Amino acid sequence: MAELPDLTFFSRILNRKYSDKKSGSWKSQCRKKINVSEAALKSALKGQELIRVRREGKTLQLDFSGYQVLIRCYKKKLTT
């Protein structure tokens, strides 16, 4: 399981790299873990701006314009 400082570190990196950028194409790496179809996810996030990435507990939450939030839970060890 990823530790809290790791998630904080990853959220800072993702904020620096992707904040204030429009979302382009999305590809799901783990389709079984998404509770909507991949087409619905692409449709909902297409053209949305990533406002920020934040750590909330043991999750990373990606806040998009249009009040869309994508939550990623880390149950496995993160590798770099």
PDB file of N, CA and C in Angstrom:
ATOM      1  N   MET A   1       0.852  -1.173   0.000  1.00  0.00           N
ATOM      2  CA  MET A   1       0.000   0.000   0.000  1.00  0.00           C
ATOM      3  C   MET A   1       0.901   1.241   0.000  1.00  0.00           C
ATOM      4  N   ALA A   2       0.518   2.220  -0.771  1.00  0.00           N
ATOM      5  CA  ALA A   2       1.274   3.475  -0.821  1.00  0.00           C
ATOM      6  C   ALA A   2       1.124   4.208   0.509  1.00  0.00           C
ATOM      7  N   GLU A   3       2.202   4.796   0.955  1.00  0.00           N
ATOM      8  CA  GLU A   3       2.184   5.563   2.203  1.00  0.00           C
ATOM      9  C   GLU A   3       1.700   6.990   1.927  1.00  0.00           C
ATOM     10  N   LEU A   4       1.196   7.641   2.958  1.00  0.00           N
ATOM     11  CA  LEU A   4       0.656   8.996   2.798  1.00  0.00           C
ATOM     12  C   LEU A   4       1.674   9.986   2.237  1.00  0.00           C
ATOM     13  N   PRO A   5       2.926   9.986   2.721  1.00  0.00           N
ATOM     14  CA  PRO A   5       3.889  10.929   2.125  1.00  0.00           C
ATOM     15  C   PRO A   5       4.116  10.682   0.635  1.00  0.00           C
ATOM     16  N   ASP A   6       4.057   9.400   0.226  1.00  0.00           N
ATOM     17  CA  ASP A   6       4.207   9.091  -1.197  1.00  0.00           C
ATOM     18  C   ASP A   6       3.071   9.703  -2.007  1.00  0.00           C
ATOM     19  N   LEU A   7       1.846   9.551  -1.520  1.00  0.00           N
ATOM     20  CA  LEU A   7       0.694  10.099  -2.231  1.00  0.00           C
ATOM     21  C   LEU A   7       0.756  11.619  -2.293  1.00  0.00           C
ATOM     22  N   THR A   8       1.199  12.245  -1.219  1.00  0.00           N
ATOM     23  CA  THR A   8       1.358  13.701  -1.213  1.00  0.00           C
ATOM     24  C   THR A   8       2.387  14.118  -2.254  1.00  0.00           C
ATOM     25  N   PHE A   9       3.487  13.397  -2.313  1.00  0.00           N
ATOM     26  CA  PHE A   9       4.546  13.667  -3.274  1.00  0.00           C
ATOM     27  C   PHE A   9       4.033  13.506  -4.707  1.00  0.00           C
ATOM     28  N   PHE A  10       3.322  12.406  -4.983  1.00  0.00           N
ATOM     29  CA  PHE A  10       2.779  12.172  -6.314  1.00  0.00           C
ATOM     30  C   PHE A  10       1.763  13.246  -6.702  1.00  0.00           C
ATOM     31  N   SER A  11       0.938  13.674  -5.762  1.00  0.00           N
ATOM     32  CA  SER A  11      -0.050  14.712  -6.081  1.00  0.00           C
ATOM     33  C   SER A  11       0.643  16.022  -6.441  1.00  0.00           C
ATOM     34  N   ARG A  12       1.734  16.339  -5.768  1.00  0.00           N
ATOM     35  CA  ARG A  12       2.476  17.570  -6.099  1.00  0.00           C
ATOM     36  C   ARG A  12       3.076  17.497  -7.493  1.00  0.00           C
ATOM     37  N   ILE A  13       3.643  16.341  -7.829  1.00  0.00           N
ATOM     38  CA  ILE A  13       4.227  16.168  -9.162  1.00  0.00           C
ATOM     39  C   ILE A  13       3.147  16.295 -10.233  1.00  0.00           C
ATOM     40  N   LEU A  14       2.023  15.616 -10.032  1.00  0.00           N
ATOM     41  CA  LEU A  14       0.940  15.663 -11.009  1.00  0.00           C
ATOM     42  C   LEU A  14       0.363  17.070 -11.136  1.00  0.00           C
ATOM     43  N   ASN A  15       0.277  17.806 -10.023  1.00  0.00           N
ATOM     44  CA  ASN A  15      -0.202  19.194 -10.072  1.00  0.00           C
ATOM     45  C   ASN A  15       0.710  20.049 -10.929  1.00  0.00           C
ATOM     46  N   ARG A  16       2.016  19.919 -10.701  1.00  0.00           N
ATOM     47  CA  ARG A  16       2.962  20.730 -11.467  1.00  0.00           C
ATOM     48  C   ARG A  16       2.894  20.411 -12.956  1.00  0.00           C
ATOM     49  N   LYS A  17       2.733  19.139 -13.287  1.00  0.00           N
ATOM     50  CA  LYS A  17       2.782  18.734 -14.681  1.00  0.00           C
ATOM     51  C   LYS A  17       1.471  18.940 -15.425  1.00  0.00           C
ATOM     52  N   TYR A  18       0.328  18.720 -14.751  1.00  0.00           N
ATOM     53  CA  TYR A  18      -0.939  18.670 -15.480  1.00  0.00           C
ATOM     54  C   TYR A  18      -1.988  19.705 -15.081  1.00  0.00           C
ATOM     55  N   SER A  19      -1.802  20.443 -14.001  1.00  0.00           N
ATOM     56  CA  SER A  19      -2.831  21.416 -13.610  1.00  0.00           C
ATOM     57  C   SER A  19      -3.025  22.471 -14.683  1.00  0.00           C
ATOM     58  N   ASP A  20      -4.267  22.909 -14.814  1.00  0.00           N
ATOM     59  CA  ASP A  20      -4.661  23.938 -15.779  1.00  0.00           C
ATOM     60  C   ASP A  20      -4.473  23.503 -17.231  1.00  0.00           C
ATOM     61  N   LYS A  21      -4.529  22.210 -17.471  1.00  0.00           N
ATOM     62  CA  LYS A  21      -4.449  21.709 -18.844  1.00  0.00           C
ATOM     63  C   LYS A  21      -5.742  20.980 -19.171  1.00  0.00           C
ATOM     64  N   LYS A  22      -6.147  21.090 -20.412  1.00  0.00           N
ATOM     65  CA  LYS A  22      -7.351  20.395 -20.877  1.00  0.00           C
ATOM     66  C   LYS A  22      -7.051  18.909 -21.019  1.00  0.00           C
ATOM     67  N   SER A  23      -8.055  18.117 -20.687  1.00  0.00           N
ATOM     68  CA  SER A  23      -7.875  16.678 -20.835  1.00  0.00           C
ATOM     69  C   SER A  23      -7.977  16.313 -22.311  1.00  0.00           C
ATOM     70  N   GLY A  24      -7.114  15.432 -22.720  1.00  0.00           N
ATOM     71  CA  GLY A  24      -7.124  14.957 -24.097  1.00  0.00           C
ATOM     72  C   GLY A  24      -7.809  13.610 -24.145  1.00  0.00           C
ATOM     73  N   SER A  25      -7.111  12.644 -24.669  1.00  0.00           N
ATOM     74  CA  SER A  25      -7.687  11.302 -24.735  1.00  0.00           C
ATOM     75  C   SER A  25      -7.392  10.559 -23.431  1.00  0.00           C
ATOM     76  N   TRP A  26      -8.333   9.700 -23.065  1.00  0.00           N
ATOM     77  CA  TRP A  26      -8.199   8.923 -21.833  1.00  0.00           C
ATOM     78  C   TRP A  26      -8.204   7.456 -22.176  1.00  0.00           C
ATOM     79  N   LYS A  27      -7.321   6.719 -21.542  1.00  0.00           N
ATOM     80  CA  LYS A  27      -7.298   5.278 -21.716  1.00  0.00           C
ATOM     81  C   LYS A  27      -7.224   4.654 -20.332  1.00  0.00           C
ATOM     82  N   SER A  28      -8.131   3.759 -20.071  1.00  0.00           N
ATOM     83  CA  SER A  28      -8.184   3.089 -18.774  1.00  0.00           C
ATOM     84  C   SER A  28      -7.191   1.937 -18.748  1.00  0.00           C
ATOM     85  N   GLN A  29      -6.389   1.887 -17.696  1.00  0.00           N
ATOM     86  CA  GLN A  29      -5.445   0.789 -17.533  1.00  0.00           C
ATOM     87  C   GLN A  29      -6.097  -0.410 -16.843  1.00  0.00           C
ATOM     88  N   CYS A  30      -7.079  -0.160 -15.998  1.00  0.00           N
ATOM     89  CA  CYS A  30      -7.757  -1.216 -15.232  1.00  0.00           C
ATOM     90  C   CYS A  30      -9.259  -1.059 -15.407  1.00  0.00           C
ATOM     91  N   ARG A  31      -9.790  -1.573 -16.471  1.00  0.00           N
ATOM     92  CA  ARG A  31     -11.207  -1.390 -16.771  1.00  0.00           C
ATOM     93  C   ARG A  31     -12.125  -1.981 -15.717  1.00  0.00           C
ATOM     94  N   LYS A  32     -11.678  -3.028 -15.039  1.00  0.00           N
ATOM     95  CA  LYS A  32     -12.512  -3.668 -14.023  1.00  0.00           C
ATOM     96  C   LYS A  32     -12.747  -2.762 -12.819  1.00  0.00           C
ATOM     97  N   LYS A  33     -11.884  -1.786 -12.617  1.00  0.00           N
ATOM     98  CA  LYS A  33     -11.984  -0.928 -11.435  1.00  0.00           C
ATOM     99  C   LYS A  33     -12.779   0.344 -11.675  1.00  0.00           C
ATOM    100  N   ILE A  34     -13.271   0.538 -12.878  1.00  0.00           N
ATOM    101  CA  ILE A  34     -14.056   1.732 -13.192  1.00  0.00           C
ATOM    102  C   ILE A  34     -15.533   1.368 -13.095  1.00  0.00           C
ATOM    103  N   ASN A  35     -16.306   2.206 -12.396  1.00  0.00           N
ATOM    104  CA  ASN A  35     -17.724   1.880 -12.204  1.00  0.00           C
ATOM    105  C   ASN A  35     -18.628   2.466 -13.287  1.00  0.00           C
ATOM    106  N   VAL A  36     -18.044   2.979 -14.360  1.00  0.00           N
ATOM    107  CA  VAL A  36     -18.798   3.441 -15.529  1.00  0.00           C
ATOM    108  C   VAL A  36     -18.099   2.880 -16.763  1.00  0.00           C
ATOM    109  N   SER A  37     -18.767   2.932 -17.892  1.00  0.00           N
ATOM    110  CA  SER A  37     -18.128   2.446 -19.120  1.00  0.00           C
ATOM    111  C   SER A  37     -16.991   3.385 -19.517  1.00  0.00           C
ATOM    112  N   GLU A  38     -16.049   2.852 -20.260  1.00  0.00           N
ATOM    113  CA  GLU A  38     -14.927   3.677 -20.693  1.00  0.00           C
ATOM    114  C   GLU A  38     -15.403   4.817 -21.596  1.00  0.00           C
ATOM    115  N   ALA A  39     -16.432   4.555 -22.397  1.00  0.00           N
ATOM    116  CA  ALA A  39     -16.993   5.598 -23.261  1.00  0.00           C
ATOM    117  C   ALA A  39     -17.606   6.719 -22.428  1.00  0.00           C
ATOM    118  N   ALA A  40     -18.303   6.362 -21.342  1.00  0.00           N
ATOM    119  CA  ALA A  40     -18.903   7.381 -20.473  1.00  0.00           C
ATOM    120  C   ALA A  40     -17.823   8.207 -19.790  1.00  0.00           C
ATOM    121  N   LEU A  41     -16.737   7.559 -19.384  1.00  0.00           N
ATOM    122  CA  LEU A  41     -15.631   8.280 -18.750  1.00  0.00           C
ATOM    123  C   LEU A  41     -15.002   9.262 -19.736  1.00  0.00           C
ATOM    124  N   LYS A  42     -14.738   8.791 -20.948  1.00  0.00           N
ATOM    125  CA  LYS A  42     -14.149   9.668 -21.963  1.00  0.00           C
ATOM    126  C   LYS A  42     -15.070  10.841 -22.271  1.00  0.00           C
ATOM    127  N   SER A  43     -16.355  10.565 -22.378  1.00  0.00           N
ATOM    128  CA  SER A  43     -17.326  11.609 -22.683  1.00  0.00           C
ATOM    129  C   SER A  43     -17.403  12.658 -21.575  1.00  0.00           C
ATOM    130  N   ALA A  44     -17.391  12.202 -20.326  1.00  0.00           N
ATOM    131  CA  ALA A  44     -17.509  13.118 -19.192  1.00  0.00           C
ATOM    132  C   ALA A  44     -16.274  14.001 -19.031  1.00  0.00           C
ATOM    133  N   LEU A  45     -15.107  13.472 -19.363  1.00  0.00           N
ATOM    134  CA  LEU A  45     -13.874  14.220 -19.115  1.00  0.00           C
ATOM    135  C   LEU A  45     -13.318  14.912 -20.350  1.00  0.00           C
ATOM    136  N   LYS A  46     -13.890  14.652 -21.518  1.00  0.00           N
ATOM    137  CA  LYS A  46     -13.367  15.252 -22.747  1.00  0.00           C
ATOM    138  C   LYS A  46     -13.473  16.769 -22.692  1.00  0.00           C
ATOM    139  N   GLY A  47     -12.340  17.423 -22.894  1.00  0.00           N
ATOM    140  CA  GLY A  47     -12.302  18.878 -22.924  1.00  0.00           C
ATOM    141  C   GLY A  47     -12.344  19.542 -21.556  1.00  0.00           C
ATOM    142  N   GLN A  48     -12.441  18.761 -20.487  1.00  0.00           N
ATOM    143  CA  GLN A  48     -12.456  19.336 -19.147  1.00  0.00           C
ATOM    144  C   GLN A  48     -11.034  19.736 -18.749  1.00  0.00           C
ATOM    145  N   GLU A  49     -10.930  20.754 -17.937  1.00  0.00           N
ATOM    146  CA  GLU A  49      -9.635  21.221 -17.454  1.00  0.00           C
ATOM    147  C   GLU A  49      -9.358  20.589 -16.100  1.00  0.00           C
ATOM    148  N   LEU A  50      -8.145  20.051 -15.944  1.00  0.00           N
ATOM    149  CA  LEU A  50      -7.737  19.509 -14.654  1.00  0.00           C
ATOM    150  C   LEU A  50      -7.374  20.674 -13.752  1.00  0.00           C
ATOM    151  N   ILE A  51      -8.154  20.870 -12.701  1.00  0.00           N
ATOM    152  CA  ILE A  51      -7.937  21.990 -11.802  1.00  0.00           C
ATOM    153  C   ILE A  51      -6.823  21.683 -10.809  1.00  0.00           C
ATOM    154  N   ARG A  52      -6.895  20.499 -10.203  1.00  0.00           N
ATOM    155  CA  ARG A  52      -5.844  20.125  -9.254  1.00  0.00           C
ATOM    156  C   ARG A  52      -5.918  18.635  -8.956  1.00  0.00           C
ATOM    157  N   VAL A  53      -4.811  18.129  -8.417  1.00  0.00           N
ATOM    158  CA  VAL A  53      -4.731  16.765  -7.923  1.00  0.00           C
ATOM    159  C   VAL A  53      -4.468  16.885  -6.432  1.00  0.00           C
ATOM    160  N   ARG A  54      -5.251  16.172  -5.643  1.00  0.00           N
ATOM    161  CA  ARG A  54      -5.071  16.279  -4.187  1.00  0.00           C
ATOM    162  C   ARG A  54      -5.145  14.899  -3.551  1.00  0.00           C
ATOM    163  N   ARG A  55      -4.458  14.794  -2.411  1.00  0.00           N
ATOM    164  CA  ARG A  55      -4.523  13.573  -1.627  1.00  0.00           C
ATOM    165  C   ARG A  55      -5.638  13.722  -0.617  1.00  0.00           C
ATOM    166  N   GLU A  56      -6.512  12.739  -0.571  1.00  0.00           N
ATOM    167  CA  GLU A  56      -7.603  12.719   0.408  1.00  0.00           C
ATOM    168  C   GLU A  56      -7.555  11.341   1.048  1.00  0.00           C
ATOM    169  N   GLY A  57      -7.029  11.280   2.262  1.00  0.00           N
ATOM    170  CA  GLY A  57      -6.835   9.970   2.892  1.00  0.00           C
ATOM    171  C   GLY A  57      -5.823   9.179   2.091  1.00  0.00           C
ATOM    172  N   LYS A  58      -6.160   7.952   1.739  1.00  0.00           N
ATOM    173  CA  LYS A  58      -5.265   7.132   0.934  1.00  0.00           C
ATOM    174  C   LYS A  58      -5.709   7.079  -0.522  1.00  0.00           C
ATOM    175  N   THR A  59      -6.276   8.182  -1.008  1.00  0.00           N
ATOM    176  CA  THR A  59      -6.677   8.278  -2.411  1.00  0.00           C
ATOM    177  C   THR A  59      -6.090   9.535  -3.023  1.00  0.00           C
ATOM    178  N   LEU A  60      -5.939   9.509  -4.338  1.00  0.00           N
ATOM    179  CA  LEU A  60      -5.620  10.714  -5.094  1.00  0.00           C
ATOM    180  C   LEU A  60      -6.895  11.110  -5.819  1.00  0.00           C
ATOM    181  N   GLN A  61      -7.295  12.358  -5.687  1.00  0.00           N
ATOM    182  CA  GLN A  61      -8.504  12.847  -6.328  1.00  0.00           C
ATOM    183  C   GLN A  61      -8.126  13.898  -7.359  1.00  0.00           C
ATOM    184  N   LEU A  62      -8.615  13.698  -8.562  1.00  0.00           N
ATOM    185  CA  LEU A  62      -8.360  14.624  -9.659  1.00  0.00           C
ATOM    186  C   LEU A  62      -9.611  15.456  -9.852  1.00  0.00           C
ATOM    187  N   ASP A  63      -9.506  16.740  -9.596  1.00  0.00           N
ATOM    188  CA  ASP A  63     -10.642  17.658  -9.715  1.00  0.00           C
ATOM    189  C   ASP A  63     -10.606  18.321 -11.088  1.00  0.00           C
ATOM    190  N   PHE A  64     -11.691  18.160 -11.825  1.00  0.00           N
ATOM    191  CA  PHE A  64     -11.811  18.742 -13.160  1.00  0.00           C
ATOM    192  C   PHE A  64     -12.834  19.860 -13.153  1.00  0.00           C
ATOM    193  N   SER A  65     -12.739  20.732 -14.149  1.00  0.00           N
ATOM    194  CA  SER A  65     -13.774  21.742 -14.321  1.00  0.00           C
ATOM    195  C   SER A  65     -15.077  21.005 -14.614  1.00  0.00           C
ATOM    196  N   GLY A  66     -16.185  21.651 -14.411  1.00  0.00           N
ATOM    197  CA  GLY A  66     -17.460  20.972 -14.603  1.00  0.00           C
ATOM    198  C   GLY A  66     -17.800  20.083 -13.430  1.00  0.00           C
ATOM    199  N   TYR A  67     -17.094  20.263 -12.310  1.00  0.00           N
ATOM    200  CA  TYR A  67     -17.358  19.544 -11.065  1.00  0.00           C
ATOM    201  C   TYR A  67     -17.203  18.036 -11.197  1.00  0.00           C
ATOM    202  N   GLN A  68     -16.359  17.579 -12.111  1.00  0.00           N
ATOM    203  CA  GLN A  68     -16.068  16.158 -12.251  1.00  0.00           C
ATOM    204  C   GLN A  68     -14.892  15.817 -11.343  1.00  0.00           C
ATOM    205  N   VAL A  69     -14.995  14.712 -10.624  1.00  0.00           N
ATOM    206  CA  VAL A  69     -13.904  14.250  -9.760  1.00  0.00           C
ATOM    207  C   VAL A  69     -13.610  12.798 -10.105  1.00  0.00           C
ATOM    208  N   LEU A  70     -12.346  12.514 -10.340  1.00  0.00           N
ATOM    209  CA  LEU A  70     -11.900  11.156 -10.596  1.00  0.00           C
ATOM    210  C   LEU A  70     -11.070  10.737  -9.392  1.00  0.00           C
ATOM    211  N   ILE A  71     -11.420   9.622  -8.787  1.00  0.00           N
ATOM    212  CA  ILE A  71     -10.748   9.175  -7.569  1.00  0.00           C
ATOM    213  C   ILE A  71      -9.966   7.902  -7.877  1.00  0.00           C
ATOM    214  N   ARG A  72      -8.726   7.880  -7.438  1.00  0.00           N
ATOM    215  CA  ARG A  72      -7.874   6.714  -7.630  1.00  0.00           C
ATOM    216  C   ARG A  72      -7.429   6.218  -6.268  1.00  0.00           C
ATOM    217  N   CYS A  73      -7.799   4.987  -5.929  1.00  0.00           N
ATOM    218  CA  CYS A  73      -7.373   4.352  -4.680  1.00  0.00           C
ATOM    219  C   CYS A  73      -6.172   3.470  -4.955  1.00  0.00           C
ATOM    220  N   TYR A  74      -5.182   3.567  -4.097  1.00  0.00           N
ATOM    221  CA  TYR A  74      -3.986   2.752  -4.255  1.00  0.00           C
ATOM    222  C   TYR A  74      -3.995   1.645  -3.218  1.00  0.00           C
ATOM    223  N   LYS A  75      -4.171   0.416  -3.700  1.00  0.00           N
ATOM    224  CA  LYS A  75      -4.151  -0.733  -2.810  1.00  0.00           C
ATOM    225  C   LYS A  75      -2.855  -1.521  -2.978  1.00  0.00           C
ATOM    226  N   LYS A  76      -2.172  -1.271  -4.071  1.00  0.00           N
ATOM    227  CA  LYS A  76      -0.905  -1.949  -4.315  1.00  0.00           C
ATOM    228  C   LYS A  76       0.225  -0.954  -4.144  1.00  0.00           C
ATOM    229  N   LYS A  77       1.405  -1.483  -4.028  1.00  0.00           N
ATOM    230  CA  LYS A  77       2.587  -0.651  -3.885  1.00  0.00           C
ATOM    231  C   LYS A  77       2.852   0.092  -5.191  1.00  0.00           C
ATOM    232  N   LEU A  78       3.112   1.381  -5.106  1.00  0.00           N
ATOM    233  CA  LEU A  78       3.434   2.176  -6.290  1.00  0.00           C
ATOM    234  C   LEU A  78       4.901   1.979  -6.643  1.00  0.00           C
ATOM    235  N   THR A  79       5.184   1.849  -7.922  1.00  0.00           N
ATOM    236  CA  THR A  79       6.567   1.742  -8.349  1.00  0.00           C
ATOM    237  C   THR A  79       6.898   2.922  -9.241  1.00  0.00           C
ATOM    238  N   THR A  80       8.133   3.338  -9.186  1.00  0.00           N
ATOM    239  CA  THR A  80       8.574   4.446 -10.027  1.00  0.00           C
ATOM    240  C   THR A  80       9.547   3.989 -11.058  1.00  0.00           C
TER     241      THR A  80
END
